[in-house]
Amino acid sequence: MIGAWMAVFFCGCEAAVTNRDSQGTTIVCFGDSLTAGYGAEEGKDYPSVLRSQVDLPVINAGVSGDTTGDALKRLESDVLSHDPKIVIITLGGNDYLNRIPKEETLKNMEAIVDRIQSRGVLVVLAAVQTGFWGDAYADDYKKLARQKHFVLIPDVLKGILFDMRYKYDQIHPNSEGYRIMAGRIYQKIKPFLKKP
């Protein structure tokens, strides 16, 4: 019994994920320029790559420049109206760049997660390192993930933004970088795509 519990714990506490059996019909990628695909060739943004790996429609709800506050305002129209099974969030970078107080960013993120989960949808947060020497939100996102039981992908761009082979500019991947990003996200959502 203990062994089974430990196995669940070390594989990411999948049994504890809120709405793991979501009945939605789409995957919505919700975020800023990293979701919109700034820097990628046509059709090589991460949602497009992900679309080729799954059996559900994948909707790109990325808007370049969005902060968590901007995204919260369009959550209903751009995300929840599409009957999502999974929402993949990539937000926070513009909050950091625009020096929005961390407390405000975290309040917005919690509100986004709460509203999505209240509709029976599984949440995935693909976090991005927001500082050159560290991450302003890393510990806070881990705490929020424990509280709300969503899937957290820490530093989804690890090894990408400091390697010229995968960069379009200082803060955006190129097509190859987005391909790697999509692969990491797919591996995290794959267990939740299996039909019962």
C-alpha atoms as a PDB file:
ATOM      1  CA  MET A   1       0.000   0.000   0.000  1.00  0.00           C
ATOM      2  CA  ILE A   2       2.783   2.408   0.924  1.00  0.00           C
ATOM      3  CA  GLY A   3       4.662   1.438  -2.224  1.00  0.00           C
ATOM      4  CA  ALA A   4       1.674   2.290  -4.398  1.00  0.00           C
ATOM      5  CA  TRP A   5       1.275   5.647  -2.661  1.00  0.00           C
ATOM      6  CA  MET A   6       4.941   6.443  -3.174  1.00  0.00           C
ATOM      7  CA  ALA A   7       4.701   5.508  -6.845  1.00  0.00           C
ATOM      8  CA  VAL A   8       1.829   7.950  -7.290  1.00  0.00           C
ATOM      9  CA  PHE A   9       3.753  10.635  -5.417  1.00  0.00           C
ATOM     10  CA  PHE A  10       6.908  10.343  -7.482  1.00  0.00           C
ATOM     11  CA  CYS A  11       5.110  10.180 -10.820  1.00  0.00           C
ATOM     12  CA  GLY A  12       3.611  13.617 -10.188  1.00  0.00           C
ATOM     13  CA  CYS A  13       0.585  12.982  -7.963  1.00  0.00           C
ATOM     14  CA  GLU A  14      -1.579  12.432 -11.033  1.00  0.00           C
ATOM     15  CA  ALA A  15      -4.389  10.960  -8.929  1.00  0.00           C
ATOM     16  CA  ALA A  16      -4.670  14.262  -7.062  1.00  0.00           C
ATOM     17  CA  VAL A  17      -4.928  16.464 -10.171  1.00  0.00           C
ATOM     18  CA  THR A  18      -8.156  18.452 -10.168  1.00  0.00           C
ATOM     19  CA  ASN A  19     -10.462  17.560 -13.090  1.00  0.00           C
ATOM     20  CA  ARG A  20      -8.123  14.834 -14.338  1.00  0.00           C
ATOM     21  CA  ASP A  21     -11.188  13.229 -16.001  1.00  0.00           C
ATOM     22  CA  SER A  22     -12.362  16.412 -17.696  1.00  0.00           C
ATOM     23  CA  GLN A  23     -14.999  15.789 -20.370  1.00  0.00           C
ATOM     24  CA  GLY A  24     -14.122  18.753 -22.595  1.00  0.00           C
ATOM     25  CA  THR A  25     -13.541  18.423 -26.323  1.00  0.00           C
ATOM     26  CA  THR A  26     -10.550  20.690 -27.029  1.00  0.00           C
ATOM     27  CA  ILE A  27      -7.123  21.688 -25.756  1.00  0.00           C
ATOM     28  CA  VAL A  28      -6.695  25.449 -25.395  1.00  0.00           C
ATOM     29  CA  CYS A  29      -3.214  26.970 -25.258  1.00  0.00           C
ATOM     30  CA  PHE A  30      -3.662  30.206 -23.336  1.00  0.00           C
ATOM     31  CA  GLY A  31      -0.884  32.742 -23.037  1.00  0.00           C
ATOM     32  CA  ASP A  32       1.237  35.496 -24.466  1.00  0.00           C
ATOM     33  CA  SER A  33       3.740  35.640 -27.354  1.00  0.00           C
ATOM     34  CA  LEU A  34       5.221  32.277 -26.366  1.00  0.00           C
ATOM     35  CA  THR A  35       1.839  30.744 -27.109  1.00  0.00           C
ATOM     36  CA  ALA A  36       1.079  32.952 -30.103  1.00  0.00           C
ATOM     37  CA  GLY A  37       4.385  31.700 -31.542  1.00  0.00           C
ATOM     38  CA  TYR A  38       6.370  34.882 -31.966  1.00  0.00           C
ATOM     39  CA  GLY A  39       9.620  33.929 -33.697  1.00  0.00           C
ATOM     40  CA  ALA A  40       8.349  30.671 -35.180  1.00  0.00           C
ATOM     41  CA  GLU A  41       7.924  29.886 -38.847  1.00  0.00           C
ATOM     42  CA  GLU A  42       4.345  29.508 -40.070  1.00  0.00           C
ATOM     43  CA  GLY A  43       2.748  26.462 -38.470  1.00  0.00           C
ATOM     44  CA  LYS A  44       5.669  25.793 -36.132  1.00  0.00           C
ATOM     45  CA  ASP A  45       4.454  27.547 -32.985  1.00  0.00           C
ATOM     46  CA  TYR A  46       4.067  25.168 -30.047  1.00  0.00           C
ATOM     47  CA  PRO A  47       0.251  24.800 -30.291  1.00  0.00           C
ATOM     48  CA  SER A  48       0.580  23.810 -33.969  1.00  0.00           C
ATOM     49  CA  VAL A  49       3.239  21.229 -33.139  1.00  0.00           C
ATOM     50  CA  LEU A  50       1.105  19.912 -30.278  1.00  0.00           C
ATOM     51  CA  ARG A  51      -1.865  19.665 -32.657  1.00  0.00           C
ATOM     52  CA  SER A  52       0.033  17.085 -34.688  1.00  0.00           C
ATOM     53  CA  GLN A  53       0.573  14.907 -31.596  1.00  0.00           C
ATOM     54  CA  VAL A  54      -2.946  14.674 -30.128  1.00  0.00           C
ATOM     55  CA  ASP A  55      -6.402  13.568 -31.270  1.00  0.00           C
ATOM     56  CA  LEU A  56      -8.224  16.649 -29.988  1.00  0.00           C
ATOM     57  CA  PRO A  57      -8.536  20.071 -31.630  1.00  0.00           C
ATOM     58  CA  VAL A  58      -5.854  22.434 -30.287  1.00  0.00           C
ATOM     59  CA  ILE A  59      -6.750  26.120 -30.114  1.00  0.00           C
ATOM     60  CA  ASN A  60      -4.089  28.821 -30.001  1.00  0.00           C
ATOM     61  CA  ALA A  61      -5.364  31.510 -27.620  1.00  0.00           C
ATOM     62  CA  GLY A  62      -2.051  33.339 -27.391  1.00  0.00           C
ATOM     63  CA  VAL A  63      -1.851  37.137 -27.583  1.00  0.00           C
ATOM     64  CA  SER A  64       1.561  38.783 -27.738  1.00  0.00           C
ATOM     65  CA  GLY A  65       2.177  41.221 -24.908  1.00  0.00           C
ATOM     66  CA  ASP A  66      -0.515  39.847 -22.623  1.00  0.00           C
ATOM     67  CA  THR A  67      -0.086  40.109 -18.877  1.00  0.00           C
ATOM     68  CA  THR A  68      -2.033  37.924 -16.467  1.00  0.00           C
ATOM     69  CA  GLY A  69      -4.461  40.824 -16.040  1.00  0.00           C
ATOM     70  CA  ASP A  70      -5.034  41.105 -19.793  1.00  0.00           C
ATOM     71  CA  ALA A  71      -5.504  37.362 -20.080  1.00  0.00           C
ATOM     72  CA  LEU A  72      -8.000  37.242 -17.232  1.00  0.00           C
ATOM     73  CA  LYS A  73     -10.249  39.677 -19.107  1.00  0.00           C
ATOM     74  CA  ARG A  74     -10.482  37.405 -22.158  1.00  0.00           C
ATOM     75  CA  LEU A  75     -10.657  34.087 -20.342  1.00  0.00           C
ATOM     76  CA  GLU A  76     -14.342  33.474 -21.061  1.00  0.00           C
ATOM     77  CA  SER A  77     -14.367  34.477 -24.724  1.00  0.00           C
ATOM     78  CA  ASP A  78     -11.015  33.036 -25.800  1.00  0.00           C
ATOM     79  CA  VAL A  79     -10.774  29.944 -23.607  1.00  0.00           C
ATOM     80  CA  LEU A  80     -13.850  28.714 -21.749  1.00  0.00           C
ATOM     81  CA  SER A  81     -16.161  29.212 -24.723  1.00  0.00           C
ATOM     82  CA  HIS A  82     -14.232  26.464 -26.583  1.00  0.00           C
ATOM     83  CA  ASP A  83     -15.291  23.632 -24.236  1.00  0.00           C
ATOM     84  CA  PRO A  84     -11.733  22.771 -23.184  1.00  0.00           C
ATOM     85  CA  LYS A  85     -10.656  19.467 -21.704  1.00  0.00           C
ATOM     86  CA  ILE A  86      -7.229  20.915 -20.878  1.00  0.00           C
ATOM     87  CA  VAL A  87      -6.039  24.516 -20.697  1.00  0.00           C
ATOM     88  CA  ILE A  88      -2.292  25.066 -20.960  1.00  0.00           C
ATOM     89  CA  ILE A  89      -1.287  28.411 -19.443  1.00  0.00           C
ATOM     90  CA  THR A  90       1.925  30.221 -20.315  1.00  0.00           C
ATOM     91  CA  LEU A  91       1.734  33.647 -18.675  1.00  0.00           C
ATOM     92  CA  GLY A  92       3.752  35.808 -16.302  1.00  0.00           C
ATOM     93  CA  GLY A  93       6.704  36.860 -18.430  1.00  0.00           C
ATOM     94  CA  ASN A  94       5.158  40.185 -19.404  1.00  0.00           C
ATOM     95  CA  ASP A  95       4.121  40.843 -15.820  1.00  0.00           C
ATOM     96  CA  TYR A  96       7.770  40.502 -14.853  1.00  0.00           C
ATOM     97  CA  LEU A  97       9.044  42.635 -17.748  1.00  0.00           C
ATOM     98  CA  ASN A  98       6.460  45.339 -16.985  1.00  0.00           C
ATOM     99  CA  ARG A  99       7.311  45.236 -13.266  1.00  0.00           C
ATOM    100  CA  ILE A 100       3.796  44.421 -12.206  1.00  0.00           C
ATOM    101  CA  PRO A 101       3.826  43.648  -8.457  1.00  0.00           C
ATOM    102  CA  LYS A 102       4.243  39.945  -7.851  1.00  0.00           C
ATOM    103  CA  GLU A 103       1.232  39.897  -5.539  1.00  0.00           C
ATOM    104  CA  GLU A 104      -0.965  41.154  -8.383  1.00  0.00           C
ATOM    105  CA  THR A 105       0.414  38.567 -10.812  1.00  0.00           C
ATOM    106  CA  LEU A 106      -0.192  35.729  -8.381  1.00  0.00           C
ATOM    107  CA  LYS A 107      -3.701  36.976  -7.563  1.00  0.00           C
ATOM    108  CA  ASN A 108      -4.524  37.046 -11.283  1.00  0.00           C
ATOM    109  CA  MET A 109      -3.032  33.606 -11.851  1.00  0.00           C
ATOM    110  CA  GLU A 110      -5.024  32.140  -8.976  1.00  0.00           C
ATOM    111  CA  ALA A 111      -8.197  33.696 -10.362  1.00  0.00           C
ATOM    112  CA  ILE A 112      -7.474  32.238 -13.811  1.00  0.00           C
ATOM    113  CA  VAL A 113      -6.887  28.770 -12.353  1.00  0.00           C
ATOM    114  CA  ASP A 114     -10.000  28.954 -10.164  1.00  0.00           C
ATOM    115  CA  ARG A 115     -12.276  29.971 -13.026  1.00  0.00           C
ATOM    116  CA  ILE A 116     -10.958  27.261 -15.327  1.00  0.00           C
ATOM    117  CA  GLN A 117     -11.192  24.549 -12.684  1.00  0.00           C
ATOM    118  CA  SER A 118     -14.695  25.636 -11.699  1.00  0.00           C
ATOM    119  CA  ARG A 119     -15.782  24.630 -15.212  1.00  0.00           C
ATOM    120  CA  GLY A 120     -14.457  21.094 -14.762  1.00  0.00           C
ATOM    121  CA  VAL A 121     -11.317  21.657 -16.820  1.00  0.00           C
ATOM    122  CA  LEU A 122      -7.800  20.340 -16.155  1.00  0.00           C
ATOM    123  CA  VAL A 123      -5.176  23.097 -15.799  1.00  0.00           C
ATOM    124  CA  VAL A 124      -1.539  22.890 -16.881  1.00  0.00           C
ATOM    125  CA  LEU A 125       0.816  25.756 -16.058  1.00  0.00           C
ATOM    126  CA  ALA A 126       3.868  25.778 -18.322  1.00  0.00           C
ATOM    127  CA  ALA A 127       6.010  28.191 -16.328  1.00  0.00           C
ATOM    128  CA  VAL A 128       8.814  30.277 -17.779  1.00  0.00           C
ATOM    129  CA  GLN A 129      11.891  31.435 -15.874  1.00  0.00           C
ATOM    130  CA  THR A 130      11.405  35.152 -15.364  1.00  0.00           C
ATOM    131  CA  GLY A 131      14.825  36.235 -14.138  1.00  0.00           C
ATOM    132  CA  PHE A 132      18.313  35.914 -15.587  1.00  0.00           C
ATOM    133  CA  TRP A 133      19.807  34.535 -12.369  1.00  0.00           C
ATOM    134  CA  GLY A 134      16.694  33.044 -10.839  1.00  0.00           C
ATOM    135  CA  ASP A 135      12.944  32.811 -11.087  1.00  0.00           C
ATOM    136  CA  ALA A 136      10.722  35.387  -9.411  1.00  0.00           C
ATOM    137  CA  TYR A 137       7.653  33.125  -9.409  1.00  0.00           C
ATOM    138  CA  ALA A 138       9.020  29.561  -9.176  1.00  0.00           C
ATOM    139  CA  ASP A 139       8.334  28.931  -5.484  1.00  0.00           C
ATOM    140  CA  ASP A 140       4.976  30.693  -5.653  1.00  0.00           C
ATOM    141  CA  TYR A 141       3.840  28.589  -8.614  1.00  0.00           C
ATOM    142  CA  LYS A 142       4.877  25.402  -6.806  1.00  0.00           C
ATOM    143  CA  LYS A 143       2.864  26.465  -3.778  1.00  0.00           C
ATOM    144  CA  LEU A 144      -0.150  27.335  -5.924  1.00  0.00           C
ATOM    145  CA  ALA A 145       0.090  23.979  -7.726  1.00  0.00           C
ATOM    146  CA  ARG A 146       0.041  22.159  -4.387  1.00  0.00           C
ATOM    147  CA  GLN A 147      -2.983  24.155  -3.246  1.00  0.00           C
ATOM    148  CA  LYS A 148      -5.000  23.889  -6.451  1.00  0.00           C
ATOM    149  CA  HIS A 149      -3.759  20.483  -7.658  1.00  0.00           C
ATOM    150  CA  PHE A 150      -2.919  21.427 -11.225  1.00  0.00           C
ATOM    151  CA  VAL A 151      -0.106  20.165 -13.443  1.00  0.00           C
ATOM    152  CA  LEU A 152       2.995  22.350 -13.208  1.00  0.00           C
ATOM    153  CA  ILE A 153       5.792  22.286 -15.768  1.00  0.00           C
ATOM    154  CA  PRO A 154       8.619  24.272 -14.154  1.00  0.00           C
ATOM    155  CA  ASP A 155      10.806  26.278 -16.559  1.00  0.00           C
ATOM    156  CA  VAL A 156       9.329  24.873 -19.770  1.00  0.00           C
ATOM    157  CA  LEU A 157      12.040  26.695 -21.748  1.00  0.00           C
ATOM    158  CA  LYS A 158      14.950  25.234 -19.770  1.00  0.00           C
ATOM    159  CA  GLY A 159      18.032  25.010 -21.972  1.00  0.00           C
ATOM    160  CA  ILE A 160      16.326  26.831 -24.840  1.00  0.00           C
ATOM    161  CA  LEU A 161      16.734  30.542 -24.165  1.00  0.00           C
ATOM    162  CA  PHE A 162      20.443  30.284 -23.413  1.00  0.00           C
ATOM    163  CA  ASP A 163      21.267  28.298 -26.552  1.00  0.00           C
ATOM    164  CA  MET A 164      21.476  30.197 -29.841  1.00  0.00           C
ATOM    165  CA  ARG A 165      20.395  27.104 -31.779  1.00  0.00           C
ATOM    166  CA  TYR A 166      16.904  27.424 -30.316  1.00  0.00           C
ATOM    167  CA  LYS A 167      16.460  31.204 -30.065  1.00  0.00           C
ATOM    168  CA  TYR A 168      14.776  33.728 -32.303  1.00  0.00           C
ATOM    169  CA  ASP A 169      15.702  36.679 -30.067  1.00  0.00           C
ATOM    170  CA  GLN A 170      16.539  37.271 -26.412  1.00  0.00           C
ATOM    171  CA  ILE A 171      13.193  36.094 -25.030  1.00  0.00           C
ATOM    172  CA  HIS A 172      11.562  33.997 -27.763  1.00  0.00           C
ATOM    173  CA  PRO A 173      12.403  30.561 -29.137  1.00  0.00           C
ATOM    174  CA  ASN A 174      12.728  29.805 -32.830  1.00  0.00           C
ATOM    175  CA  SER A 175      10.817  26.976 -34.524  1.00  0.00           C
ATOM    176  CA  GLU A 176      13.134  24.328 -33.096  1.00  0.00           C
ATOM    177  CA  GLY A 177      12.789  25.809 -29.616  1.00  0.00           C
ATOM    178  CA  TYR A 178       9.004  25.717 -29.886  1.00  0.00           C
ATOM    179  CA  ARG A 179       9.203  22.092 -31.040  1.00  0.00           C
ATOM    180  CA  ILE A 180      11.088  21.201 -27.861  1.00  0.00           C
ATOM    181  CA  MET A 181       8.591  23.180 -25.783  1.00  0.00           C
ATOM    182  CA  ALA A 182       5.678  21.327 -27.389  1.00  0.00           C
ATOM    183  CA  GLY A 183       7.343  17.986 -26.696  1.00  0.00           C
ATOM    184  CA  ARG A 184       7.728  18.777 -23.016  1.00  0.00           C
ATOM    185  CA  ILE A 185       4.108  19.823 -22.733  1.00  0.00           C
ATOM    186  CA  TYR A 186       2.898  16.751 -24.605  1.00  0.00           C
ATOM    187  CA  GLN A 187       4.744  14.422 -22.242  1.00  0.00           C
ATOM    188  CA  LYS A 188       3.012  16.077 -19.276  1.00  0.00           C
ATOM    189  CA  ILE A 189      -0.500  15.977 -20.709  1.00  0.00           C
ATOM    190  CA  LYS A 190      -0.222  12.533 -22.335  1.00  0.00           C
ATOM    191  CA  PRO A 191      -1.470  10.618 -19.246  1.00  0.00           C
ATOM    192  CA  PHE A 192      -4.642  12.715 -19.208  1.00  0.00           C
ATOM    193  CA  LEU A 193      -5.464  12.084 -22.861  1.00  0.00           C
ATOM    194  CA  LYS A 194      -5.973   8.357 -22.426  1.00  0.00           C
ATOM    195  CA  LYS A 195      -9.561   7.258 -22.857  1.00  0.00           C
ATOM    196  CA  PRO A 196     -10.991   5.444 -19.806  1.00  0.00           C
END
